[in-house]
Amino acid sequence: MIEDIIREAMERGDFDNLPGKGRPLNLTRDPLLDPLTAIVHRILLDNGVSHPLIEARRGIATETEEVRADLTRAWQFYQHSRDEDAWTQALLKFRARVKEINREVRIFNLKSPSPALHGLAIDTDEEISRITSERNPATHLTSTNHRS
């Protein structure tokens, strides 16, 4: 019944001359937040402050991208140089960094208020296999993490 009323109003042109027509919606204000909470959020956002869990997630994501990029560069170097020692050192460094990232993910998950927000650990062997088996591994540097 409501859909019929809306459809009839559209056919009559009741929505044609609304203020702001053709311009993007202003979604910076959440109408469901009470005014005080909205003010606090705006002050925090304007000053570059965010929740510690958000910062932790960003740090994990940044470190994950860096470690993948480093291994990708090491693999590309190895393909040209065939320097076994350099490749072995790169793998050892990758495994150590992934171990630390996975530790950070576990700590993040313990602090997270909901399982829906949990991060996924990186499967070291799967990452190495993916990077070494692809023709252009740099195209997948932003893929999601894998469970270990």
N, C-alpha and C. Protein backbone atom coordinates (compact mmCIF):
# COMPACT_ATOMS: atom_id res chain seq x y z
N MET A 1 0.82 -1.18 0.00
CA MET A 1 0.00 0.00 0.00
C MET A 1 0.88 1.27 0.00
N ILE A 2 1.92 1.28 0.82
CA ILE A 2 2.81 2.44 0.86
C ILE A 2 3.54 2.61 -0.47
N GLU A 3 3.93 1.50 -1.07
CA GLU A 3 4.60 1.57 -2.37
C GLU A 3 3.68 2.18 -3.41
N ASP A 4 2.40 1.87 -3.36
CA ASP A 4 1.43 2.45 -4.29
C ASP A 4 1.32 3.96 -4.09
N ILE A 5 1.31 4.40 -2.85
CA ILE A 5 1.22 5.84 -2.55
C ILE A 5 2.46 6.56 -3.08
N ILE A 6 3.64 5.97 -2.86
CA ILE A 6 4.88 6.57 -3.35
C ILE A 6 4.89 6.60 -4.87
N ARG A 7 4.48 5.51 -5.50
CA ARG A 7 4.45 5.45 -6.97
C ARG A 7 3.51 6.51 -7.53
N GLU A 8 2.33 6.66 -6.93
CA GLU A 8 1.37 7.66 -7.39
C GLU A 8 1.92 9.06 -7.22
N ALA A 9 2.62 9.32 -6.10
CA ALA A 9 3.22 10.63 -5.87
C ALA A 9 4.30 10.91 -6.90
N MET A 10 5.07 9.90 -7.25
CA MET A 10 6.10 10.07 -8.27
C MET A 10 5.47 10.38 -9.62
N GLU A 11 4.38 9.68 -9.94
CA GLU A 11 3.70 9.91 -11.22
C GLU A 11 3.12 11.32 -11.29
N ARG A 12 2.65 11.86 -10.17
CA ARG A 12 2.12 13.21 -10.13
C ARG A 12 3.23 14.25 -10.17
N GLY A 13 4.47 13.83 -9.91
CA GLY A 13 5.59 14.77 -9.91
C GLY A 13 5.82 15.43 -8.57
N ASP A 14 5.30 14.83 -7.49
CA ASP A 14 5.45 15.43 -6.16
C ASP A 14 6.91 15.50 -5.70
N PHE A 15 7.77 14.70 -6.29
CA PHE A 15 9.17 14.69 -5.87
C PHE A 15 10.08 15.46 -6.84
N ASP A 16 9.50 16.07 -7.85
CA ASP A 16 10.30 16.72 -8.89
C ASP A 16 10.99 18.00 -8.44
N ASN A 17 10.40 18.76 -7.56
CA ASN A 17 10.95 20.07 -7.19
C ASN A 17 11.41 20.13 -5.74
N LEU A 18 11.94 19.06 -5.24
CA LEU A 18 12.44 19.03 -3.87
C LEU A 18 13.74 19.81 -3.77
N PRO A 19 13.98 20.47 -2.61
CA PRO A 19 15.25 21.18 -2.44
C PRO A 19 16.43 20.20 -2.51
N GLY A 20 17.46 20.60 -3.20
CA GLY A 20 18.66 19.76 -3.30
C GLY A 20 18.59 18.72 -4.40
N LYS A 21 17.56 18.75 -5.21
CA LYS A 21 17.43 17.75 -6.28
C LYS A 21 18.66 17.81 -7.20
N GLY A 22 19.22 16.65 -7.47
CA GLY A 22 20.37 16.56 -8.35
C GLY A 22 21.70 16.76 -7.66
N ARG A 23 21.69 17.08 -6.37
CA ARG A 23 22.93 17.25 -5.62
C ARG A 23 23.10 16.05 -4.69
N PRO A 24 24.35 15.73 -4.34
CA PRO A 24 24.58 14.59 -3.44
C PRO A 24 24.00 14.87 -2.06
N LEU A 25 23.60 13.80 -1.40
CA LEU A 25 23.09 13.91 -0.04
C LEU A 25 24.23 14.24 0.92
N ASN A 26 23.92 15.00 1.95
CA ASN A 26 24.90 15.29 2.99
C ASN A 26 24.79 14.19 4.04
N LEU A 27 25.76 13.29 4.00
CA LEU A 27 25.74 12.15 4.92
C LEU A 27 26.75 12.32 6.05
N THR A 28 27.22 13.56 6.28
CA THR A 28 28.19 13.77 7.34
C THR A 28 27.56 13.73 8.72
N ARG A 29 26.27 13.94 8.80
CA ARG A 29 25.58 13.92 10.09
C ARG A 29 24.71 12.68 10.17
N ASP A 30 24.85 11.92 11.24
CA ASP A 30 24.04 10.72 11.45
C ASP A 30 22.78 11.12 12.21
N PRO A 31 21.62 11.05 11.59
CA PRO A 31 20.39 11.50 12.25
C PRO A 31 19.99 10.63 13.44
N LEU A 32 20.58 9.45 13.56
CA LEU A 32 20.22 8.57 14.67
C LEU A 32 21.04 8.83 15.93
N LEU A 33 22.12 9.61 15.80
CA LEU A 33 22.94 9.93 16.96
C LEU A 33 22.32 11.09 17.74
N ASP A 34 22.42 10.99 19.05
CA ASP A 34 21.95 12.12 19.84
C ASP A 34 22.91 13.29 19.59
N PRO A 35 22.45 14.53 19.74
CA PRO A 35 23.27 15.69 19.39
C PRO A 35 24.62 15.76 20.11
N LEU A 36 24.67 15.39 21.39
CA LEU A 36 25.92 15.46 22.13
C LEU A 36 26.95 14.47 21.56
N THR A 37 26.51 13.24 21.28
CA THR A 37 27.42 12.25 20.70
C THR A 37 27.90 12.71 19.33
N ALA A 38 27.01 13.30 18.54
CA ALA A 38 27.40 13.80 17.23
C ALA A 38 28.46 14.89 17.34
N ILE A 39 28.32 15.76 18.32
CA ILE A 39 29.30 16.83 18.53
C ILE A 39 30.65 16.24 18.92
N VAL A 40 30.64 15.28 19.84
CA VAL A 40 31.89 14.63 20.26
C VAL A 40 32.56 13.95 19.08
N HIS A 41 31.79 13.22 18.27
CA HIS A 41 32.36 12.54 17.09
C HIS A 41 32.97 13.55 16.14
N ARG A 42 32.30 14.67 15.91
CA ARG A 42 32.80 15.69 15.00
C ARG A 42 34.11 16.29 15.53
N ILE A 43 34.18 16.57 16.82
CA ILE A 43 35.41 17.12 17.42
C ILE A 43 36.56 16.13 17.26
N LEU A 44 36.29 14.87 17.54
CA LEU A 44 37.34 13.85 17.40
C LEU A 44 37.80 13.73 15.95
N LEU A 45 36.84 13.69 15.03
CA LEU A 45 37.17 13.55 13.62
C LEU A 45 37.96 14.76 13.12
N ASP A 46 37.53 15.97 13.51
CA ASP A 46 38.21 17.19 13.08
C ASP A 46 39.64 17.26 13.59
N ASN A 47 39.93 16.60 14.69
CA ASN A 47 41.26 16.64 15.28
C ASN A 47 42.07 15.38 14.99
N GLY A 48 41.58 14.55 14.08
CA GLY A 48 42.33 13.38 13.66
C GLY A 48 42.42 12.28 14.70
N VAL A 49 41.47 12.25 15.62
CA VAL A 49 41.47 11.24 16.68
C VAL A 49 40.44 10.17 16.32
N SER A 50 40.80 8.94 16.53
CA SER A 50 39.83 7.88 16.30
C SER A 50 39.95 6.85 17.42
N HIS A 51 39.05 5.92 17.41
CA HIS A 51 39.02 4.89 18.44
C HIS A 51 40.27 4.02 18.35
N PRO A 52 40.82 3.60 19.48
CA PRO A 52 42.04 2.78 19.46
C PRO A 52 41.90 1.50 18.63
N LEU A 53 40.71 0.89 18.61
CA LEU A 53 40.54 -0.32 17.81
C LEU A 53 40.62 -0.01 16.31
N ILE A 54 40.12 1.15 15.93
CA ILE A 54 40.21 1.54 14.52
C ILE A 54 41.67 1.77 14.14
N GLU A 55 42.39 2.44 15.02
CA GLU A 55 43.82 2.66 14.78
C GLU A 55 44.59 1.35 14.73
N ALA A 56 44.24 0.42 15.61
CA ALA A 56 44.91 -0.89 15.62
C ALA A 56 44.64 -1.63 14.31
N ARG A 57 43.40 -1.60 13.85
CA ARG A 57 43.05 -2.26 12.59
C ARG A 57 43.83 -1.64 11.43
N ARG A 58 43.91 -0.32 11.42
CA ARG A 58 44.67 0.37 10.36
C ARG A 58 46.14 -0.04 10.39
N GLY A 59 46.71 -0.09 11.60
CA GLY A 59 48.11 -0.49 11.73
C GLY A 59 48.35 -1.90 11.22
N ILE A 60 47.45 -2.81 11.54
CA ILE A 60 47.57 -4.19 11.07
C ILE A 60 47.47 -4.24 9.56
N ALA A 61 46.53 -3.52 8.99
CA ALA A 61 46.36 -3.51 7.53
C ALA A 61 47.59 -2.93 6.84
N THR A 62 48.13 -1.86 7.39
CA THR A 62 49.32 -1.24 6.81
C THR A 62 50.51 -2.19 6.86
N GLU A 63 50.72 -2.79 8.00
CA GLU A 63 51.84 -3.73 8.16
C GLU A 63 51.67 -4.94 7.22
N THR A 64 50.44 -5.41 7.08
CA THR A 64 50.18 -6.54 6.19
C THR A 64 50.52 -6.18 4.74
N GLU A 65 50.10 -5.00 4.30
CA GLU A 65 50.42 -4.56 2.94
C GLU A 65 51.93 -4.44 2.75
N GLU A 66 52.61 -3.89 3.75
CA GLU A 66 54.06 -3.72 3.65
C GLU A 66 54.78 -5.07 3.56
N VAL A 67 54.38 -6.01 4.39
CA VAL A 67 55.06 -7.30 4.40
C VAL A 67 54.81 -8.05 3.08
N ARG A 68 53.61 -7.94 2.54
CA ARG A 68 53.33 -8.55 1.23
C ARG A 68 54.14 -7.89 0.12
N ALA A 69 54.20 -6.57 0.16
CA ALA A 69 54.96 -5.84 -0.86
C ALA A 69 56.44 -6.18 -0.77
N ASP A 70 56.97 -6.27 0.44
CA ASP A 70 58.39 -6.62 0.62
C ASP A 70 58.69 -8.00 0.06
N LEU A 71 57.81 -8.97 0.34
CA LEU A 71 58.04 -10.31 -0.18
C LEU A 71 57.91 -10.33 -1.70
N THR A 72 56.98 -9.58 -2.22
CA THR A 72 56.81 -9.51 -3.68
C THR A 72 58.07 -8.95 -4.33
N ARG A 73 58.62 -7.88 -3.74
CA ARG A 73 59.86 -7.31 -4.29
C ARG A 73 61.02 -8.31 -4.18
N ALA A 74 61.08 -9.01 -3.06
CA ALA A 74 62.15 -10.01 -2.88
C ALA A 74 62.01 -11.13 -3.91
N TRP A 75 60.78 -11.54 -4.18
CA TRP A 75 60.54 -12.60 -5.16
C TRP A 75 60.94 -12.13 -6.56
N GLN A 76 60.57 -10.90 -6.90
CA GLN A 76 60.94 -10.37 -8.21
C GLN A 76 62.46 -10.25 -8.34
N PHE A 77 63.13 -9.83 -7.26
CA PHE A 77 64.59 -9.76 -7.27
C PHE A 77 65.18 -11.16 -7.45
N TYR A 78 64.64 -12.12 -6.73
CA TYR A 78 65.14 -13.50 -6.81
C TYR A 78 64.98 -14.06 -8.22
N GLN A 79 63.86 -13.75 -8.87
CA GLN A 79 63.65 -14.25 -10.23
C GLN A 79 64.70 -13.75 -11.20
N HIS A 80 65.22 -12.56 -10.94
CA HIS A 80 66.25 -12.00 -11.83
C HIS A 80 67.66 -12.39 -11.40
N SER A 81 67.89 -12.47 -10.11
CA SER A 81 69.26 -12.68 -9.62
C SER A 81 69.56 -14.14 -9.27
N ARG A 82 68.53 -14.89 -8.90
CA ARG A 82 68.69 -16.27 -8.41
C ARG A 82 69.61 -16.33 -7.20
N ASP A 83 69.57 -15.29 -6.39
CA ASP A 83 70.38 -15.22 -5.16
C ASP A 83 69.63 -15.97 -4.06
N GLU A 84 70.02 -17.24 -3.87
CA GLU A 84 69.35 -18.11 -2.90
C GLU A 84 69.43 -17.56 -1.47
N ASP A 85 70.56 -17.02 -1.10
CA ASP A 85 70.72 -16.50 0.26
C ASP A 85 69.76 -15.33 0.51
N ALA A 86 69.66 -14.42 -0.45
CA ALA A 86 68.77 -13.27 -0.29
C ALA A 86 67.32 -13.73 -0.19
N TRP A 87 66.94 -14.72 -1.01
CA TRP A 87 65.57 -15.23 -0.97
C TRP A 87 65.29 -15.92 0.35
N THR A 88 66.23 -16.70 0.84
CA THR A 88 66.06 -17.38 2.13
C THR A 88 65.91 -16.36 3.25
N GLN A 89 66.72 -15.31 3.23
CA GLN A 89 66.63 -14.26 4.24
C GLN A 89 65.28 -13.53 4.15
N ALA A 90 64.82 -13.29 2.92
CA ALA A 90 63.53 -12.62 2.74
C ALA A 90 62.40 -13.49 3.30
N LEU A 91 62.47 -14.80 3.08
CA LEU A 91 61.45 -15.70 3.61
C LEU A 91 61.47 -15.72 5.14
N LEU A 92 62.65 -15.76 5.72
CA LEU A 92 62.76 -15.75 7.19
C LEU A 92 62.20 -14.46 7.77
N LYS A 93 62.54 -13.35 7.14
CA LYS A 93 62.03 -12.05 7.60
C LYS A 93 60.50 -11.99 7.45
N PHE A 94 59.98 -12.50 6.32
CA PHE A 94 58.54 -12.52 6.07
C PHE A 94 57.83 -13.34 7.15
N ARG A 95 58.35 -14.53 7.42
CA ARG A 95 57.72 -15.39 8.43
C ARG A 95 57.73 -14.73 9.82
N ALA A 96 58.81 -14.08 10.16
CA ALA A 96 58.89 -13.41 11.47
C ALA A 96 57.89 -12.25 11.55
N ARG A 97 57.81 -11.47 10.48
CA ARG A 97 56.88 -10.33 10.48
C ARG A 97 55.43 -10.81 10.50
N VAL A 98 55.12 -11.87 9.75
CA VAL A 98 53.76 -12.40 9.74
C VAL A 98 53.39 -12.95 11.12
N LYS A 99 54.35 -13.59 11.77
CA LYS A 99 54.10 -14.10 13.13
C LYS A 99 53.72 -12.94 14.05
N GLU A 100 54.41 -11.82 13.94
CA GLU A 100 54.11 -10.64 14.76
C GLU A 100 52.74 -10.05 14.38
N ILE A 101 52.45 -9.97 13.09
CA ILE A 101 51.14 -9.45 12.65
C ILE A 101 50.03 -10.34 13.18
N ASN A 102 50.20 -11.65 13.09
CA ASN A 102 49.17 -12.57 13.59
C ASN A 102 48.98 -12.44 15.10
N ARG A 103 50.06 -12.13 15.81
CA ARG A 103 49.94 -11.87 17.24
C ARG A 103 49.10 -10.61 17.47
N GLU A 104 49.36 -9.58 16.68
CA GLU A 104 48.59 -8.34 16.78
C GLU A 104 47.11 -8.59 16.45
N VAL A 105 46.85 -9.44 15.47
CA VAL A 105 45.46 -9.78 15.10
C VAL A 105 44.77 -10.47 16.26
N ARG A 106 45.45 -11.41 16.92
CA ARG A 106 44.85 -12.11 18.05
C ARG A 106 44.54 -11.14 19.19
N ILE A 107 45.45 -10.21 19.48
CA ILE A 107 45.21 -9.21 20.52
C ILE A 107 44.04 -8.33 20.12
N PHE A 108 44.01 -7.90 18.87
CA PHE A 108 42.89 -7.09 18.37
C PHE A 108 41.57 -7.82 18.56
N ASN A 109 41.55 -9.10 18.20
CA ASN A 109 40.32 -9.88 18.30
C ASN A 109 39.85 -10.02 19.75
N LEU A 110 40.80 -10.12 20.67
CA LEU A 110 40.44 -10.20 22.09
C LEU A 110 39.81 -8.90 22.58
N LYS A 111 40.26 -7.78 22.05
CA LYS A 111 39.75 -6.48 22.47
C LYS A 111 38.47 -6.08 21.73
N SER A 112 38.23 -6.70 20.60
CA SER A 112 37.10 -6.33 19.76
C SER A 112 35.78 -6.69 20.43
N PRO A 113 34.80 -5.78 20.39
CA PRO A 113 33.54 -6.03 21.08
C PRO A 113 32.63 -7.03 20.37
N SER A 114 32.94 -7.35 19.12
CA SER A 114 32.06 -8.25 18.37
C SER A 114 32.89 -9.15 17.46
N PRO A 115 32.51 -10.43 17.37
CA PRO A 115 33.22 -11.32 16.43
C PRO A 115 33.11 -10.85 14.98
N ALA A 116 32.09 -10.07 14.67
CA ALA A 116 31.94 -9.56 13.32
C ALA A 116 33.08 -8.61 12.93
N LEU A 117 33.76 -8.05 13.93
CA LEU A 117 34.86 -7.11 13.68
C LEU A 117 36.23 -7.78 13.70
N HIS A 118 36.28 -9.07 14.01
CA HIS A 118 37.55 -9.77 14.13
C HIS A 118 38.33 -9.75 12.82
N GLY A 119 39.65 -9.65 12.97
CA GLY A 119 40.53 -9.75 11.83
C GLY A 119 40.92 -11.19 11.60
N LEU A 120 41.44 -11.45 10.43
CA LEU A 120 41.87 -12.80 10.07
C LEU A 120 43.38 -12.87 10.06
N ALA A 121 43.90 -13.95 10.59
CA ALA A 121 45.35 -14.16 10.57
C ALA A 121 45.81 -14.46 9.16
N ILE A 122 47.08 -14.24 8.92
CA ILE A 122 47.68 -14.51 7.62
C ILE A 122 48.23 -15.93 7.62
N ASP A 123 47.92 -16.68 6.60
CA ASP A 123 48.49 -18.02 6.42
C ASP A 123 49.80 -17.84 5.65
N THR A 124 50.91 -17.96 6.36
CA THR A 124 52.23 -17.68 5.80
C THR A 124 52.51 -18.48 4.53
N ASP A 125 52.31 -19.78 4.61
CA ASP A 125 52.62 -20.63 3.45
C ASP A 125 51.72 -20.31 2.27
N GLU A 126 50.47 -20.02 2.53
CA GLU A 126 49.55 -19.67 1.44
C GLU A 126 49.98 -18.37 0.78
N GLU A 127 50.40 -17.39 1.57
CA GLU A 127 50.87 -16.11 1.02
C GLU A 127 52.11 -16.31 0.16
N ILE A 128 53.05 -17.08 0.67
CA ILE A 128 54.28 -17.33 -0.09
C ILE A 128 53.94 -18.04 -1.40
N SER A 129 53.08 -19.04 -1.32
CA SER A 129 52.69 -19.77 -2.51
C SER A 129 51.99 -18.86 -3.52
N ARG A 130 51.11 -18.02 -3.03
CA ARG A 130 50.37 -17.12 -3.93
C ARG A 130 51.32 -16.16 -4.62
N ILE A 131 52.23 -15.58 -3.87
CA ILE A 131 53.16 -14.60 -4.43
C ILE A 131 54.13 -15.25 -5.41
N THR A 132 54.61 -16.43 -5.09
CA THR A 132 55.59 -17.08 -5.97
C THR A 132 54.97 -17.77 -7.17
N SER A 133 53.67 -17.99 -7.16
CA SER A 133 53.05 -18.69 -8.29
C SER A 133 52.36 -17.75 -9.28
N GLU A 134 52.18 -16.50 -8.92
CA GLU A 134 51.49 -15.57 -9.81
C GLU A 134 52.48 -14.89 -10.74
N ARG A 135 51.96 -14.57 -11.92
CA ARG A 135 52.80 -13.88 -12.89
C ARG A 135 53.09 -12.46 -12.43
N ASN A 136 52.07 -11.78 -11.89
CA ASN A 136 52.24 -10.41 -11.43
C ASN A 136 51.66 -10.29 -10.03
N PRO A 137 52.41 -10.70 -9.00
CA PRO A 137 51.87 -10.73 -7.65
C PRO A 137 51.53 -9.34 -7.11
N ALA A 138 52.08 -8.30 -7.67
CA ALA A 138 51.81 -6.95 -7.15
C ALA A 138 50.35 -6.57 -7.34
N THR A 139 49.62 -7.23 -8.24
CA THR A 139 48.22 -6.89 -8.46
C THR A 139 47.33 -7.37 -7.34
N HIS A 140 47.84 -8.24 -6.47
CA HIS A 140 47.01 -8.79 -5.40
C HIS A 140 47.48 -8.35 -4.02
N LEU A 141 48.19 -7.27 -3.94
CA LEU A 141 48.72 -6.84 -2.64
C LEU A 141 47.64 -6.40 -1.69
N THR A 142 46.45 -6.06 -2.19
CA THR A 142 45.40 -5.59 -1.30
C THR A 142 44.37 -6.66 -1.01
N SER A 143 44.66 -7.91 -1.35
CA SER A 143 43.70 -8.97 -1.08
C SER A 143 43.50 -9.14 0.42
N THR A 144 42.41 -9.80 0.78
CA THR A 144 42.10 -9.98 2.19
C THR A 144 43.05 -10.96 2.83
N ASN A 145 43.18 -10.87 4.13
CA ASN A 145 44.03 -11.79 4.89
C ASN A 145 43.41 -13.17 4.90
N HIS A 146 44.24 -14.15 5.17
CA HIS A 146 43.79 -15.54 5.20
C HIS A 146 43.95 -16.08 6.61
N ARG A 147 43.09 -17.01 6.97
CA ARG A 147 43.22 -17.66 8.28
C ARG A 147 44.42 -18.59 8.27
N SER A 148 45.07 -18.69 9.42
CA SER A 148 46.19 -19.63 9.52
C SER A 148 45.70 -20.94 10.07
